[in-house]
Every structure is written in structure tokens, then in C-alpha cells.
C-alpha atoms as a PDB file:
ATOM      1  CA  MET A   1      -4.494   5.229 -18.854  1.00  0.00           C
ATOM      2  CA  LYS A   2      -3.240   6.082 -15.354  1.00  0.00           C
ATOM      3  CA  SER A   3       1.016   6.063 -14.423  1.00  0.00           C
ATOM      4  CA  ASN A   4       2.376   4.079 -11.591  1.00  0.00           C
ATOM      5  CA  ARG A   5       2.557   7.674  -9.959  1.00  0.00           C
ATOM      6  CA  ASP A   6      -1.127   7.819 -10.009  1.00  0.00           C
ATOM      7  CA  ILE A   7      -1.717   4.357  -8.733  1.00  0.00           C
ATOM      8  CA  ILE A   8       0.595   4.165  -5.714  1.00  0.00           C
ATOM      9  CA  ILE A   9       0.500   6.807  -3.661  1.00  0.00           C
ATOM     10  CA  ARG A  10       3.144   5.733  -0.782  1.00  0.00           C
ATOM     11  CA  PRO A  11       4.046   2.619   1.275  1.00  0.00           C
ATOM     12  CA  PHE A  12       2.467   2.328   4.480  1.00  0.00           C
ATOM     13  CA  VAL A  13       5.084   1.214   7.154  1.00  0.00           C
ATOM     14  CA  THR A  14       4.410   0.034   9.961  1.00  0.00           C
ATOM     15  CA  GLU A  15       5.603  -2.223  12.703  1.00  0.00           C
ATOM     16  CA  LYS A  16       2.791  -4.699  11.576  1.00  0.00           C
ATOM     17  CA  MET A  17       3.802  -4.630   7.976  1.00  0.00           C
ATOM     18  CA  SER A  18       7.437  -4.637   9.114  1.00  0.00           C
ATOM     19  CA  VAL A  19       6.700  -8.268  10.789  1.00  0.00           C
ATOM     20  CA  ALA A  20       4.922  -9.218   7.730  1.00  0.00           C
ATOM     21  CA  GLN A  21       7.673  -7.841   5.270  1.00  0.00           C
ATOM     22  CA  ASP A  22      10.073 -10.118   7.384  1.00  0.00           C
ATOM     23  CA  ALA A  23       7.552 -13.574   7.840  1.00  0.00           C
ATOM     24  CA  GLU A  24       5.092 -13.792   5.109  1.00  0.00           C
ATOM     25  CA  ASN A  25       6.752 -11.228   2.256  1.00  0.00           C
ATOM     26  CA  LYS A  26       4.020  -8.829   2.394  1.00  0.00           C
ATOM     27  CA  VAL A  27       4.459  -5.254   1.428  1.00  0.00           C
ATOM     28  CA  ALA A  28       1.332  -3.007   1.962  1.00  0.00           C
ATOM     29  CA  PHE A  29       0.857   0.734  -0.130  1.00  0.00           C
ATOM     30  CA  VAL A  30      -1.582   3.737   0.049  1.00  0.00           C
ATOM     31  CA  ILE A  31      -3.328   3.529  -3.198  1.00  0.00           C
ATOM     32  CA  ASP A  32      -5.278   5.420  -5.463  1.00  0.00           C
ATOM     33  CA  ARG A  33      -9.298   5.112  -4.415  1.00  0.00           C
ATOM     34  CA  LYS A  34     -10.303   3.994  -7.683  1.00  0.00           C
ATOM     35  CA  ALA A  35      -7.146   1.785  -8.973  1.00  0.00           C
ATOM     36  CA  ASN A  36      -8.079  -2.239  -8.863  1.00  0.00           C
ATOM     37  CA  LYS A  37      -5.875  -5.311  -8.213  1.00  0.00           C
ATOM     38  CA  ILE A  38      -4.625  -5.433 -11.707  1.00  0.00           C
ATOM     39  CA  GLU A  39      -3.629  -1.815 -11.870  1.00  0.00           C
ATOM     40  CA  VAL A  40      -1.432  -2.506  -8.603  1.00  0.00           C
ATOM     41  CA  ARG A  41       0.039  -5.811  -9.774  1.00  0.00           C
ATOM     42  CA  LYS A  42       1.255  -4.317 -12.899  1.00  0.00           C
ATOM     43  CA  ALA A  43       2.270  -0.960 -11.074  1.00  0.00           C
ATOM     44  CA  VAL A  44       4.280  -2.836  -8.458  1.00  0.00           C
ATOM     45  CA  GLU A  45       6.046  -5.288 -10.802  1.00  0.00           C
ATOM     46  CA  GLU A  46       6.725  -2.678 -13.091  1.00  0.00           C
ATOM     47  CA  LYS A  47       8.208   0.398 -10.449  1.00  0.00           C
ATOM     48  CA  PHE A  48       9.906  -2.131  -7.767  1.00  0.00           C
ATOM     49  CA  ASN A  49      11.201  -5.013 -10.668  1.00  0.00           C
ATOM     50  CA  VAL A  50       9.546  -7.596  -8.581  1.00  0.00           C
ATOM     51  CA  LYS A  51       6.969 -10.530  -9.148  1.00  0.00           C
ATOM     52  CA  VAL A  52       3.991 -10.170  -7.461  1.00  0.00           C
ATOM     53  CA  LYS A  53       1.856 -13.393  -5.918  1.00  0.00           C
ATOM     54  CA  LYS A  54      -1.409 -11.889  -4.773  1.00  0.00           C
ATOM     55  CA  VAL A  55      -3.166  -8.375  -4.055  1.00  0.00           C
ATOM     56  CA  ALA A  56      -5.460  -7.585  -1.204  1.00  0.00           C
ATOM     57  CA  THR A  57      -7.095  -3.947  -1.207  1.00  0.00           C
ATOM     58  CA  MET A  58      -9.193  -2.600   1.806  1.00  0.00           C
ATOM     59  CA  ASN A  59     -10.943   0.756   1.883  1.00  0.00           C
ATOM     60  CA  ILE A  60     -10.150   2.159   5.006  1.00  0.00           C
ATOM     61  CA  THR A  61     -12.810   4.992   6.075  1.00  0.00           C
ATOM     62  CA  GLY A  62     -11.517   8.329   7.516  1.00  0.00           C
ATOM     63  CA  LYS A  63     -12.313   8.596  11.201  1.00  0.00           C
ATOM     64  CA  THR A  64     -14.805  11.431  12.789  1.00  0.00           C
ATOM     65  CA  LYS A  65     -12.958  13.874  14.890  1.00  0.00           C
ATOM     66  CA  ARG A  66     -13.159  16.370  17.629  1.00  0.00           C
ATOM     67  CA  LEU A  67     -11.698  19.569  18.792  1.00  0.00           C
ATOM     68  CA  GLY A  68     -13.845  20.966  21.463  1.00  0.00           C
ATOM     69  CA  ARG A  69     -17.101  21.653  19.957  1.00  0.00           C
ATOM     70  CA  PHE A  70     -16.059  21.737  16.616  1.00  0.00           C
ATOM     71  CA  GLU A  71     -16.270  18.023  14.357  1.00  0.00           C
ATOM     72  CA  GLY A  72     -14.258  17.388  11.546  1.00  0.00           C
ATOM     73  CA  LYS A  73     -13.682  14.018   9.375  1.00  0.00           C
ATOM     74  CA  ARG A  74     -10.282  12.511   7.875  1.00  0.00           C
ATOM     75  CA  SER A  75     -10.591  11.308   4.190  1.00  0.00           C
ATOM     76  CA  ASN A  76     -11.352   7.780   3.315  1.00  0.00           C
ATOM     77  CA  TRP A  77      -8.032   6.021   1.764  1.00  0.00           C
ATOM     78  CA  LYS A  78      -7.450   2.473   0.063  1.00  0.00           C
ATOM     79  CA  LYS A  79      -4.623   0.124   1.324  1.00  0.00           C
ATOM     80  CA  ALA A  80      -3.139  -2.363  -0.753  1.00  0.00           C
ATOM     81  CA  VAL A  81      -1.191  -5.542   0.571  1.00  0.00           C
ATOM     82  CA  VAL A  82       1.007  -7.134  -1.812  1.00  0.00           C
ATOM     83  CA  THR A  83       2.686 -10.211  -1.183  1.00  0.00           C
ATOM     84  CA  LEU A  84       5.711 -10.791  -3.548  1.00  0.00           C
ATOM     85  CA  GLN A  85       7.293 -14.112  -4.670  1.00  0.00           C
ATOM     86  CA  GLU A  86       9.836 -15.904  -3.115  1.00  0.00           C
ATOM     87  CA  GLY A  87      13.226 -14.901  -3.841  1.00  0.00           C
ATOM     88  CA  PHE A  88      11.345 -11.283  -4.018  1.00  0.00           C
ATOM     89  CA  LYS A  89      12.091  -8.267  -1.746  1.00  0.00           C
ATOM     90  CA  ILE A  90      11.095  -4.267  -1.931  1.00  0.00           C
ATOM     91  CA  ASP A  91      13.516  -2.602   1.076  1.00  0.00           C
ATOM     92  CA  PHE A  92      12.408   0.732   1.567  1.00  0.00           C
ATOM     93  CA  PHE A  93      14.703   1.591   4.082  1.00  0.00           C
ATOM     94  CA  GLU A  94      18.302   0.951   1.983  1.00  0.00           C
ATOM     95  CA  GLY A  95      21.369   1.367   4.614  1.00  0.00           C
ATOM     96  CA  LYS A  96      23.563   3.482   2.371  1.00  0.00           C
END
């Protein structure tokens, strides 16, 4: 069985997700590519002590990049957008 640390790699914080967190109570994470929605739900609920309403996952394809004549590719990754139930909140940048 995978641990929470193996499933959730890091939070995905952008301007768009900051607005969604305030308006729609959504939080995004970079997750393991083999993780499914059920595993993500359990990991978020246990790690942050919140109740999850919905989980949406997306596979993101890595971009091809060039530096002169050399070409490389960024790695593929998976993102999960988690909608929290009313009254619950995850704050990544607490002012302490």
C-alpha cells in the first residue's frame, strides 16, 4: 500500500489555483502518475484533516524543448484538483 507521501508529491500553487481556492474551495496537487482518485481522496483527508467533496485528475504531457540544435523533453506528470467540502480549508502559506 502506498503512503500519503508517495501519492501527494507537492502542492501546485499558481495564480489561477489561488483564485479557485478562494472562490470555489479547490486545491491542486502534483501526484504520482499511478495514483487514482480514491487514493488521492484518502491521502488528502488523512494528511490535511479535511473532508473531500470531489477529485479531478489530469495527465499532463511534458513539453519538447530545444537549446540550439539539442532537443529534449520535460517529463510527463499528473495533477489532481481537489474540491473541499464547505467549512474546510487548506492553507499552504500560513502567516506565523
